[in-house]
C-alpha atoms as a PDB file:
ATOM      1  CA  MET A   1      36.320  49.413  92.519  1.00  0.00           C
ATOM      2  CA  GLN A   2      33.500  51.785  93.403  1.00  0.00           C
ATOM      3  CA  LYS A   3      32.462  51.998  89.760  1.00  0.00           C
ATOM      4  CA  GLN A   4      32.341  48.179  89.497  1.00  0.00           C
ATOM      5  CA  SER A   5      30.180  47.959  92.623  1.00  0.00           C
ATOM      6  CA  SER A   6      27.842  50.563  91.146  1.00  0.00           C
ATOM      7  CA  ARG A   7      27.529  48.543  87.933  1.00  0.00           C
ATOM      8  CA  LEU A   8      26.787  45.352  89.869  1.00  0.00           C
ATOM      9  CA  ALA A   9      24.112  47.164  91.881  1.00  0.00           C
ATOM     10  CA  PHE A  10      22.554  48.505  88.693  1.00  0.00           C
ATOM     11  CA  ALA A  11      22.561  45.012  87.157  1.00  0.00           C
ATOM     12  CA  ALA A  12      20.971  43.596  90.320  1.00  0.00           C
ATOM     13  CA  ALA A  13      18.256  46.266  90.223  1.00  0.00           C
ATOM     14  CA  GLY A  14      17.638  45.493  86.542  1.00  0.00           C
ATOM     15  CA  GLY A  15      17.284  41.785  87.261  1.00  0.00           C
ATOM     16  CA  THR A  16      14.812  42.545  90.044  1.00  0.00           C
ATOM     17  CA  VAL A  17      12.655  44.707  87.799  1.00  0.00           C
ATOM     18  CA  VAL A  18      12.508  42.049  85.050  1.00  0.00           C
ATOM     19  CA  LEU A  19      11.528  39.297  87.507  1.00  0.00           C
ATOM     20  CA  TRP A  20       8.927  41.453  89.256  1.00  0.00           C
ATOM     21  CA  ALA A  21       7.412  42.301  85.887  1.00  0.00           C
ATOM     22  CA  SER A  22       7.180  38.573  85.075  1.00  0.00           C
ATOM     23  CA  ALA A  23       5.296  38.061  88.338  1.00  0.00           C
ATOM     24  CA  PHE A  24       2.259  39.904  86.965  1.00  0.00           C
ATOM     25  CA  VAL A  25       2.001  37.374  84.151  1.00  0.00           C
ATOM     26  CA  SER A  26       2.282  34.407  86.546  1.00  0.00           C
ATOM     27  CA  ILE A  27      -0.190  35.846  89.054  1.00  0.00           C
ATOM     28  CA  ARG A  28      -2.857  35.832  86.360  1.00  0.00           C
ATOM     29  CA  SER A  29      -2.682  32.049  86.188  1.00  0.00           C
ATOM     30  CA  ALA A  30      -2.134  31.265  89.858  1.00  0.00           C
ATOM     31  CA  GLY A  31      -4.681  33.828  91.053  1.00  0.00           C
ATOM     32  CA  ALA A  32      -7.479  32.076  89.166  1.00  0.00           C
ATOM     33  CA  ALA A  33      -7.067  28.954  91.321  1.00  0.00           C
ATOM     34  CA  TYR A  34      -5.740  30.319  94.620  1.00  0.00           C
ATOM     35  CA  SER A  35      -7.269  32.866  96.995  1.00  0.00           C
ATOM     36  CA  PRO A  36      -5.154  35.920  97.941  1.00  0.00           C
ATOM     37  CA  GLY A  37      -3.901  34.622 101.286  1.00  0.00           C
ATOM     38  CA  ALA A  38      -3.230  31.084 100.070  1.00  0.00           C
ATOM     39  CA  LEU A  39      -1.314  32.365  97.040  1.00  0.00           C
ATOM     40  CA  ALA A  40       0.809  34.644  99.229  1.00  0.00           C
ATOM     41  CA  LEU A  41       1.587  31.830 101.677  1.00  0.00           C
ATOM     42  CA  GLY A  42       2.438  29.325  98.945  1.00  0.00           C
ATOM     43  CA  ARG A  43       4.690  31.847  97.231  1.00  0.00           C
ATOM     44  CA  LEU A  44       6.459  32.721 100.495  1.00  0.00           C
ATOM     45  CA  LEU A  45       6.948  29.080 101.508  1.00  0.00           C
ATOM     46  CA  ALA A  46       8.582  28.324  98.163  1.00  0.00           C
ATOM     47  CA  GLY A  47      10.777  31.371  98.603  1.00  0.00           C
ATOM     48  CA  VAL A  48      11.779  30.419 102.155  1.00  0.00           C
ATOM     49  CA  LEU A  49      12.783  26.894 101.078  1.00  0.00           C
ATOM     50  CA  VAL A  50      15.068  28.196  98.327  1.00  0.00           C
ATOM     51  CA  LEU A  51      16.526  31.031 100.396  1.00  0.00           C
ATOM     52  CA  GLY A  52      17.043  28.774 103.413  1.00  0.00           C
ATOM     53  CA  ALA A  53      18.921  26.223 101.317  1.00  0.00           C
ATOM     54  CA  VAL A  54      21.203  28.899  99.865  1.00  0.00           C
ATOM     55  CA  LEU A  55      21.761  30.382 103.333  1.00  0.00           C
ATOM     56  CA  LEU A  56      22.828  26.967 104.669  1.00  0.00           C
ATOM     57  CA  VAL A  57      25.166  26.349 101.739  1.00  0.00           C
ATOM     58  CA  ARG A  58      26.790  29.756 102.200  1.00  0.00           C
ATOM     59  CA  ARG A  59      26.859  29.273 106.004  1.00  0.00           C
ATOM     60  CA  GLU A  60      25.822  32.847 106.683  1.00  0.00           C
ATOM     61  CA  GLY A  61      23.788  31.987 109.780  1.00  0.00           C
ATOM     62  CA  LEU A  62      21.536  34.367 111.681  1.00  0.00           C
ATOM     63  CA  PRO A  63      21.736  38.111 111.006  1.00  0.00           C
ATOM     64  CA  PRO A  64      23.094  40.398 113.775  1.00  0.00           C
ATOM     65  CA  ARG A  65      20.664  41.544 116.443  1.00  0.00           C
ATOM     66  CA  ALA A  66      20.748  45.110 115.116  1.00  0.00           C
ATOM     67  CA  ALA A  67      19.281  43.964 111.795  1.00  0.00           C
ATOM     68  CA  TRP A  68      16.219  42.273 113.290  1.00  0.00           C
ATOM     69  CA  PRO A  69      13.935  45.321 113.818  1.00  0.00           C
ATOM     70  CA  GLY A  70      14.145  46.184 110.116  1.00  0.00           C
ATOM     71  CA  ILE A  71      13.801  42.532 109.099  1.00  0.00           C
ATOM     72  CA  VAL A  72      10.657  42.030 111.186  1.00  0.00           C
ATOM     73  CA  VAL A  73       8.979  45.245 110.034  1.00  0.00           C
ATOM     74  CA  SER A  74       9.823  44.702 106.352  1.00  0.00           C
ATOM     75  CA  GLY A  75       8.796  41.048 106.638  1.00  0.00           C
ATOM     76  CA  LEU A  76       5.392  41.922 108.079  1.00  0.00           C
ATOM     77  CA  LEU A  77       4.705  44.864 105.777  1.00  0.00           C
ATOM     78  CA  TRP A  78       6.302  43.896 102.453  1.00  0.00           C
ATOM     79  CA  PHE A  79       6.369  40.111 102.434  1.00  0.00           C
ATOM     80  CA  GLY A  80       3.162  39.742 104.437  1.00  0.00           C
ATOM     81  CA  VAL A  81       0.635  42.562 104.165  1.00  0.00           C
ATOM     82  CA  TYR A  82       1.674  43.739 100.687  1.00  0.00           C
ATOM     83  CA  MET A  83       1.408  40.338  98.989  1.00  0.00           C
ATOM     84  CA  VAL A  84      -1.953  39.418 100.534  1.00  0.00           C
ATOM     85  CA  VAL A  85      -3.561  42.825 100.075  1.00  0.00           C
ATOM     86  CA  LEU A  86      -2.332  43.246  96.498  1.00  0.00           C
ATOM     87  CA  ASN A  87      -3.678  39.799  95.535  1.00  0.00           C
ATOM     88  CA  TRP A  88      -7.012  40.750  97.091  1.00  0.00           C
ATOM     89  CA  GLY A  89      -7.068  44.209  95.542  1.00  0.00           C
ATOM     90  CA  GLU A  90      -6.497  42.858  92.035  1.00  0.00           C
ATOM     91  CA  GLN A  91      -9.674  40.785  92.440  1.00  0.00           C
ATOM     92  CA  GLU A  92     -11.648  43.957  93.136  1.00  0.00           C
ATOM     93  CA  VAL A  93     -10.254  46.301  90.469  1.00  0.00           C
ATOM     94  CA  ASP A  94      -9.010  45.881  86.920  1.00  0.00           C
ATOM     95  CA  ALA A  95      -5.294  45.556  86.297  1.00  0.00           C
ATOM     96  CA  GLY A  96      -4.985  49.095  84.935  1.00  0.00           C
ATOM     97  CA  THR A  97      -6.473  50.699  88.024  1.00  0.00           C
ATOM     98  CA  ALA A  98      -4.347  48.514  90.284  1.00  0.00           C
ATOM     99  CA  ALA A  99      -1.185  49.500  88.401  1.00  0.00           C
ATOM    100  CA  MET A 100      -2.003  53.201  88.709  1.00  0.00           C
ATOM    101  CA  VAL A 101      -2.766  53.108  92.428  1.00  0.00           C
ATOM    102  CA  VAL A 102       0.107  50.829  93.478  1.00  0.00           C
ATOM    103  CA  ASN A 103       2.558  53.056  91.609  1.00  0.00           C
ATOM    104  CA  ILE A 104       2.231  55.709  94.294  1.00  0.00           C
ATOM    105  CA  GLY A 105       4.585  53.360  96.182  1.00  0.00           C
ATOM    106  CA  PRO A 106       7.867  54.765  94.784  1.00  0.00           C
ATOM    107  CA  ILE A 107       6.710  58.297  95.620  1.00  0.00           C
ATOM    108  CA  LEU A 108       5.955  57.238  99.197  1.00  0.00           C
ATOM    109  CA  ILE A 109       9.372  55.526  99.393  1.00  0.00           C
ATOM    110  CA  ALA A 110      11.130  58.750  98.404  1.00  0.00           C
ATOM    111  CA  LEU A 111       9.144  60.792 100.942  1.00  0.00           C
ATOM    112  CA  LEU A 112       9.583  58.261 103.759  1.00  0.00           C
ATOM    113  CA  GLY A 113      13.273  57.897 102.898  1.00  0.00           C
ATOM    114  CA  ALA A 114      13.725  61.642 103.206  1.00  0.00           C
ATOM    115  CA  ARG A 115      11.834  61.721 106.511  1.00  0.00           C
ATOM    116  CA  PHE A 116      13.219  58.667 108.311  1.00  0.00           C
ATOM    117  CA  LEU A 117      16.497  57.879 106.517  1.00  0.00           C
ATOM    118  CA  LYS A 118      17.533  61.509 105.936  1.00  0.00           C
ATOM    119  CA  GLU A 119      17.941  60.853 102.211  1.00  0.00           C
ATOM    120  CA  SER A 120      18.080  63.764  99.816  1.00  0.00           C
ATOM    121  CA  LEU A 121      15.515  64.399  97.094  1.00  0.00           C
ATOM    122  CA  PRO A 122      17.598  65.639  94.139  1.00  0.00           C
ATOM    123  CA  PRO A 123      15.702  67.436  91.353  1.00  0.00           C
ATOM    124  CA  ARG A 124      16.555  64.723  88.789  1.00  0.00           C
ATOM    125  CA  LEU A 125      15.003  62.051  91.017  1.00  0.00           C
ATOM    126  CA  LEU A 126      11.810  64.065  91.496  1.00  0.00           C
ATOM    127  CA  ALA A 127      11.605  64.905  87.779  1.00  0.00           C
ATOM    128  CA  GLY A 128      12.180  61.298  86.761  1.00  0.00           C
ATOM    129  CA  MET A 129       9.536  60.050  89.188  1.00  0.00           C
ATOM    130  CA  ALA A 130       7.034  62.588  87.850  1.00  0.00           C
ATOM    131  CA  VAL A 131       7.648  61.436  84.262  1.00  0.00           C
ATOM    132  CA  SER A 132       7.464  57.754  85.221  1.00  0.00           C
ATOM    133  CA  PHE A 133       4.285  58.230  87.258  1.00  0.00           C
ATOM    134  CA  ALA A 134       2.677  59.959  84.282  1.00  0.00           C
ATOM    135  CA  GLY A 135       3.693  56.946  82.200  1.00  0.00           C
ATOM    136  CA  ALA A 136       2.255  54.520  84.774  1.00  0.00           C
ATOM    137  CA  VAL A 137      -1.033  56.422  84.779  1.00  0.00           C
ATOM    138  CA  THR A 138      -1.076  56.345  80.978  1.00  0.00           C
ATOM    139  CA  VAL A 139      -0.469  52.575  80.935  1.00  0.00           C
ATOM    140  CA  GLY A 140      -3.127  52.067  83.592  1.00  0.00           C
ATOM    141  CA  LEU A 141      -5.729  54.163  81.768  1.00  0.00           C
ATOM    142  CA  SER A 142      -5.053  52.403  78.476  1.00  0.00           C
ATOM    143  CA  MET A 143      -5.307  48.966  80.130  1.00  0.00           C
ATOM    144  CA  SER A 144      -8.558  49.898  81.854  1.00  0.00           C
ATOM    145  CA  ALA A 145     -10.032  51.308  78.649  1.00  0.00           C
ATOM    146  CA  SER A 146      -9.127  48.213  76.629  1.00  0.00           C
ATOM    147  CA  SER A 147     -10.404  45.747  79.246  1.00  0.00           C
ATOM    148  CA  SER A 148     -13.944  44.603  78.528  1.00  0.00           C
ATOM    149  CA  GLY A 149     -14.396  43.708  82.184  1.00  0.00           C
ATOM    150  CA  GLY A 150     -12.759  46.771  83.644  1.00  0.00           C
ATOM    151  CA  HIS A 151     -14.103  47.815  87.023  1.00  0.00           C
ATOM    152  CA  ALA A 152     -12.925  49.649  90.097  1.00  0.00           C
ATOM    153  CA  SER A 153     -14.625  49.278  93.478  1.00  0.00           C
ATOM    154  CA  VAL A 154     -13.913  51.583  96.403  1.00  0.00           C
ATOM    155  CA  LEU A 155     -12.710  48.570  98.395  1.00  0.00           C
ATOM    156  CA  GLY A 156     -10.323  47.563  95.604  1.00  0.00           C
ATOM    157  CA  VAL A 157      -8.812  51.044  95.349  1.00  0.00           C
ATOM    158  CA  LEU A 158      -8.367  51.224  99.121  1.00  0.00           C
ATOM    159  CA  LEU A 159      -6.686  47.814  99.119  1.00  0.00           C
ATOM    160  CA  CYS A 160      -4.255  48.940  96.407  1.00  0.00           C
ATOM    161  CA  VAL A 161      -3.469  52.096  98.401  1.00  0.00           C
ATOM    162  CA  LEU A 162      -2.807  49.923 101.457  1.00  0.00           C
ATOM    163  CA  ALA A 163      -0.562  47.687  99.337  1.00  0.00           C
ATOM    164  CA  ALA A 164       1.433  50.707  98.155  1.00  0.00           C
ATOM    165  CA  MET A 165       1.815  51.947 101.736  1.00  0.00           C
ATOM    166  CA  ALA A 166       2.954  48.513 102.960  1.00  0.00           C
ATOM    167  CA  TYR A 167       5.434  48.260 100.078  1.00  0.00           C
ATOM    168  CA  ALA A 168       6.889  51.697 100.832  1.00  0.00           C
ATOM    169  CA  GLY A 169       7.088  51.085 104.576  1.00  0.00           C
ATOM    170  CA  GLY A 170       8.751  47.713 104.006  1.00  0.00           C
ATOM    171  CA  VAL A 171      11.437  49.158 101.739  1.00  0.00           C
ATOM    172  CA  VAL A 172      12.277  51.987 104.137  1.00  0.00           C
ATOM    173  CA  ALA A 173      12.414  49.561 107.090  1.00  0.00           C
ATOM    174  CA  GLN A 174      14.658  47.181 105.144  1.00  0.00           C
ATOM    175  CA  LYS A 175      17.290  49.791 104.308  1.00  0.00           C
ATOM    176  CA  PRO A 176      18.754  50.146 107.857  1.00  0.00           C
ATOM    177  CA  ALA A 177      18.751  46.349 108.301  1.00  0.00           C
ATOM    178  CA  LEU A 178      21.087  46.027 105.309  1.00  0.00           C
ATOM    179  CA  ALA A 179      23.703  48.065 107.183  1.00  0.00           C
ATOM    180  CA  HIS A 180      24.032  45.140 109.615  1.00  0.00           C
ATOM    181  CA  GLY A 181      23.022  41.982 107.736  1.00  0.00           C
ATOM    182  CA  SER A 182      23.764  40.692 104.241  1.00  0.00           C
ATOM    183  CA  ALA A 183      21.226  40.896 101.420  1.00  0.00           C
ATOM    184  CA  LEU A 184      20.683  37.135 101.680  1.00  0.00           C
ATOM    185  CA  GLN A 185      20.141  37.208 105.436  1.00  0.00           C
ATOM    186  CA  VAL A 186      17.751  40.156 105.356  1.00  0.00           C
ATOM    187  CA  THR A 187      15.745  38.663 102.485  1.00  0.00           C
ATOM    188  CA  THR A 188      15.619  35.122 103.903  1.00  0.00           C
ATOM    189  CA  PHE A 189      14.407  36.071 107.340  1.00  0.00           C
ATOM    190  CA  GLY A 190      12.109  38.807 106.027  1.00  0.00           C
ATOM    191  CA  CYS A 191      10.492  36.173 103.813  1.00  0.00           C
ATOM    192  CA  LEU A 192      10.248  33.819 106.806  1.00  0.00           C
ATOM    193  CA  VAL A 193       8.548  36.511 108.911  1.00  0.00           C
ATOM    194  CA  GLY A 194       6.046  37.083 106.090  1.00  0.00           C
ATOM    195  CA  ALA A 195       5.376  33.345 105.777  1.00  0.00           C
ATOM    196  CA  VAL A 196       4.742  33.012 109.513  1.00  0.00           C
ATOM    197  CA  ALA A 197       2.358  35.976 109.366  1.00  0.00           C
ATOM    198  CA  CYS A 198       0.454  34.237 106.546  1.00  0.00           C
ATOM    199  CA  LEU A 199       0.140  30.857 108.345  1.00  0.00           C
ATOM    200  CA  PRO A 200      -3.575  31.488 109.112  1.00  0.00           C
ATOM    201  CA  PHE A 201      -4.133  30.843 105.383  1.00  0.00           C
ATOM    202  CA  ALA A 202      -2.533  27.376 105.563  1.00  0.00           C
ATOM    203  CA  GLY A 203      -5.879  25.597 105.559  1.00  0.00           C
ATOM    204  CA  GLN A 204      -6.977  27.426 102.408  1.00  0.00           C
ATOM    205  CA  LEU A 205      -3.662  26.648 100.725  1.00  0.00           C
ATOM    206  CA  VAL A 206      -3.944  22.896 101.388  1.00  0.00           C
ATOM    207  CA  GLU A 207      -7.570  22.786 100.251  1.00  0.00           C
ATOM    208  CA  GLU A 208      -7.025  24.820  97.095  1.00  0.00           C
ATOM    209  CA  ALA A 209      -3.803  23.009  96.153  1.00  0.00           C
ATOM    210  CA  GLY A 210      -5.775  19.755  96.021  1.00  0.00           C
ATOM    211  CA  ARG A 211      -8.015  20.998  93.231  1.00  0.00           C
ATOM    212  CA  ALA A 212      -5.845  23.606  91.503  1.00  0.00           C
ATOM    213  CA  PRO A 213      -4.557  22.829  87.990  1.00  0.00           C
ATOM    214  CA  LEU A 214      -0.859  22.013  87.735  1.00  0.00           C
ATOM    215  CA  SER A 215      -0.175  25.187  85.740  1.00  0.00           C
ATOM    216  CA  ALA A 216      -1.479  27.384  88.581  1.00  0.00           C
ATOM    217  CA  THR A 217       0.604  25.569  91.192  1.00  0.00           C
ATOM    218  CA  LEU A 218       3.722  25.772  89.025  1.00  0.00           C
ATOM    219  CA  ASN A 219       3.148  29.497  88.600  1.00  0.00           C
ATOM    220  CA  MET A 220       2.846  29.849  92.379  1.00  0.00           C
ATOM    221  CA  VAL A 221       6.157  28.003  92.819  1.00  0.00           C
ATOM    222  CA  TYR A 222       7.739  30.179  90.124  1.00  0.00           C
ATOM    223  CA  LEU A 223       6.574  33.278  92.012  1.00  0.00           C
ATOM    224  CA  GLY A 224       8.277  31.993  95.141  1.00  0.00           C
ATOM    225  CA  VAL A 225      11.567  30.979  93.541  1.00  0.00           C
ATOM    226  CA  PHE A 226      12.227  33.799  91.093  1.00  0.00           C
ATOM    227  CA  PRO A 227      10.223  37.017  91.755  1.00  0.00           C
ATOM    228  CA  THR A 228      10.511  36.388  95.524  1.00  0.00           C
ATOM    229  CA  ALA A 229      13.685  34.472  96.479  1.00  0.00           C
ATOM    230  CA  LEU A 230      15.944  35.707  93.678  1.00  0.00           C
ATOM    231  CA  ALA A 231      14.465  39.129  92.933  1.00  0.00           C
ATOM    232  CA  PHE A 232      14.102  40.243  96.558  1.00  0.00           C
ATOM    233  CA  THR A 233      17.726  39.245  97.186  1.00  0.00           C
ATOM    234  CA  THR A 234      19.037  41.189  94.183  1.00  0.00           C
ATOM    235  CA  TRP A 235      16.827  44.093  95.297  1.00  0.00           C
ATOM    236  CA  ALA A 236      18.355  44.030  98.793  1.00  0.00           C
ATOM    237  CA  TYR A 237      21.864  43.861  97.297  1.00  0.00           C
ATOM    238  CA  ALA A 238      21.175  46.960  95.191  1.00  0.00           C
ATOM    239  CA  LEU A 239      19.306  48.798  97.978  1.00  0.00           C
ATOM    240  CA  ALA A 240      22.316  48.413 100.276  1.00  0.00           C
ATOM    241  CA  ARG A 241      24.368  50.348  97.701  1.00  0.00           C
ATOM    242  CA  THR A 242      22.029  53.235  96.867  1.00  0.00           C
ATOM    243  CA  THR A 243      19.163  55.255  98.336  1.00  0.00           C
ATOM    244  CA  ALA A 244      15.655  53.929  98.910  1.00  0.00           C
ATOM    245  CA  GLY A 245      14.223  56.729  96.770  1.00  0.00           C
ATOM    246  CA  ARG A 246      16.420  55.934  93.785  1.00  0.00           C
ATOM    247  CA  MET A 247      15.636  52.202  94.050  1.00  0.00           C
ATOM    248  CA  GLY A 248      11.917  52.935  94.289  1.00  0.00           C
ATOM    249  CA  ALA A 249      12.087  55.036  91.137  1.00  0.00           C
ATOM    250  CA  THR A 250      13.740  52.121  89.309  1.00  0.00           C
ATOM    251  CA  THR A 251      10.614  49.999  89.755  1.00  0.00           C
ATOM    252  CA  TYR A 252       8.741  52.352  87.417  1.00  0.00           C
ATOM    253  CA  ALA A 253      10.264  50.257  84.624  1.00  0.00           C
ATOM    254  CA  VAL A 254       7.982  47.382  85.690  1.00  0.00           C
ATOM    255  CA  PRO A 255       4.805  48.619  83.892  1.00  0.00           C
ATOM    256  CA  ALA A 256       6.713  48.969  80.615  1.00  0.00           C
ATOM    257  CA  LEU A 257       8.119  45.437  80.931  1.00  0.00           C
ATOM    258  CA  VAL A 258       4.716  44.021  81.847  1.00  0.00           C
ATOM    259  CA  VAL A 259       3.320  45.455  78.617  1.00  0.00           C
ATOM    260  CA  VAL A 260       6.064  43.723  76.608  1.00  0.00           C
ATOM    261  CA  MET A 261       5.713  40.406  78.465  1.00  0.00           C
ATOM    262  CA  ALA A 262       1.934  40.375  78.127  1.00  0.00           C
ATOM    263  CA  TRP A 263       2.442  40.978  74.400  1.00  0.00           C
ATOM    264  CA  VAL A 264       4.995  38.149  74.040  1.00  0.00           C
ATOM    265  CA  PHE A 265       3.556  35.505  76.394  1.00  0.00           C
ATOM    266  CA  LEU A 266      -0.163  36.271  76.457  1.00  0.00           C
ATOM    267  CA  GLY A 267      -0.623  37.635  72.941  1.00  0.00           C
ATOM    268  CA  GLU A 268      -2.078  40.890  74.309  1.00  0.00           C
ATOM    269  CA  LEU A 269      -1.214  43.437  71.631  1.00  0.00           C
ATOM    270  CA  PRO A 270      -0.643  46.836  73.286  1.00  0.00           C
ATOM    271  CA  GLY A 271      -2.195  49.963  71.837  1.00  0.00           C
ATOM    272  CA  LEU A 272      -0.319  53.134  70.958  1.00  0.00           C
ATOM    273  CA  LEU A 273      -1.340  54.797  74.246  1.00  0.00           C
ATOM    274  CA  THR A 274       0.001  51.828  76.207  1.00  0.00           C
ATOM    275  CA  LEU A 275       3.295  51.908  74.317  1.00  0.00           C
ATOM    276  CA  ALA A 276       3.580  55.658  74.875  1.00  0.00           C
ATOM    277  CA  GLY A 277       3.005  55.171  78.605  1.00  0.00           C
ATOM    278  CA  GLY A 278       5.646  52.452  78.732  1.00  0.00           C
ATOM    279  CA  ALA A 279       8.129  54.712  76.979  1.00  0.00           C
ATOM    280  CA  LEU A 280       7.428  57.451  79.535  1.00  0.00           C
ATOM    281  CA  CYS A 281       8.048  54.991  82.385  1.00  0.00           C
ATOM    282  CA  LEU A 282      11.440  54.035  80.968  1.00  0.00           C
ATOM    283  CA  ALA A 283      12.364  57.650  80.221  1.00  0.00           C
ATOM    284  CA  GLY A 284      11.530  58.657  83.778  1.00  0.00           C
ATOM    285  CA  VAL A 285      13.660  55.845  85.203  1.00  0.00           C
ATOM    286  CA  ALA A 286      16.578  56.971  83.016  1.00  0.00           C
ATOM    287  CA  VAL A 287      16.233  60.542  84.306  1.00  0.00           C
ATOM    288  CA  SER A 288      15.925  59.471  87.949  1.00  0.00           C
ATOM    289  CA  ARG A 289      18.998  57.212  87.684  1.00  0.00           C
ATOM    290  CA  SER A 290      21.116  59.834  85.933  1.00  0.00           C
ATOM    291  CA  ARG A 291      23.473  62.165  87.747  1.00  0.00           C
ATOM    292  CA  SER A 292      24.430  65.750  87.152  1.00  0.00           C
ATOM    293  CA  ARG A 293      27.855  66.544  85.674  1.00  0.00           C
ATOM    294  CA  ALA A 294      28.863  68.023  88.998  1.00  0.00           C
ATOM    295  CA  SER A 295      28.151  64.767  90.811  1.00  0.00           C
ATOM    296  CA  THR A 296      30.016  62.777  88.180  1.00  0.00           C
ATOM    297  CA  ALA A 297      33.018  65.058  88.442  1.00  0.00           C
ATOM    298  CA  ALA A 298      32.981  64.671  92.212  1.00  0.00           C
ATOM    299  CA  GLY A 299      33.304  60.913  91.770  1.00  0.00           C
ATOM    300  CA  THR A 300      29.996  59.873  93.348  1.00  0.00           C
ATOM    301  CA  ALA A 301      28.584  56.491  92.341  1.00  0.00           C
END
């Protein structure tokens, strides 16, 4: 039974990573027509509508009072600050630089998890994160070098650092909430908190939606339904069944998948350095998710 639960959690984490990788492709279209705050609000509203409908159908109701502190903090930091600041940061720096800077997030998650959640930092996790981070840097450098319009302002770098910090803080805050509420409850109300925090951008959203091309609006809706509503729920399901540090390390597969998706859907042929970086990302994730023979023999999942 424990082994089956572990497999389901791994599958949920894999689904999250694939959907989050697809978000980078969609943001390119939606971000050309929508400002950072408006895009975040539109994405969150779409997510709240879908999550709210599922919550009503499943009749799960409100989460327990003990879950609310984590829901509010993760909603403000991850669903609110992270989405707005990352959208803004990617307008100030090239995609490669943004990818490199934001990928300090999993490292911060592991450190914060050890400090506040008393999680261990096993050598395999640290080694895997080091390999994956090297791969993320390699992908970022190759993307920056191949981009004719590559640039990196101090403001943009600082915004990406802030995004990584908000992401890490949100994940660590969400973990305790999942001990009291279900993945669906924690995700739904976290998304709602983020949407409420982004309401000051409502005017921009209405104005920009009136002149945005249909493709950009559809991409914004896609971001809300799949990389937000579905992927954040599968993330929460998996996070409830493993450590924050191990889940954070799993997201290092995102850069490798983005490279593949950009190749397939955007026709952006990756160079050898980019492919090598992607391979390092995946190798690092495999190392961080693996367990020693001693742990396997002890029956840990």
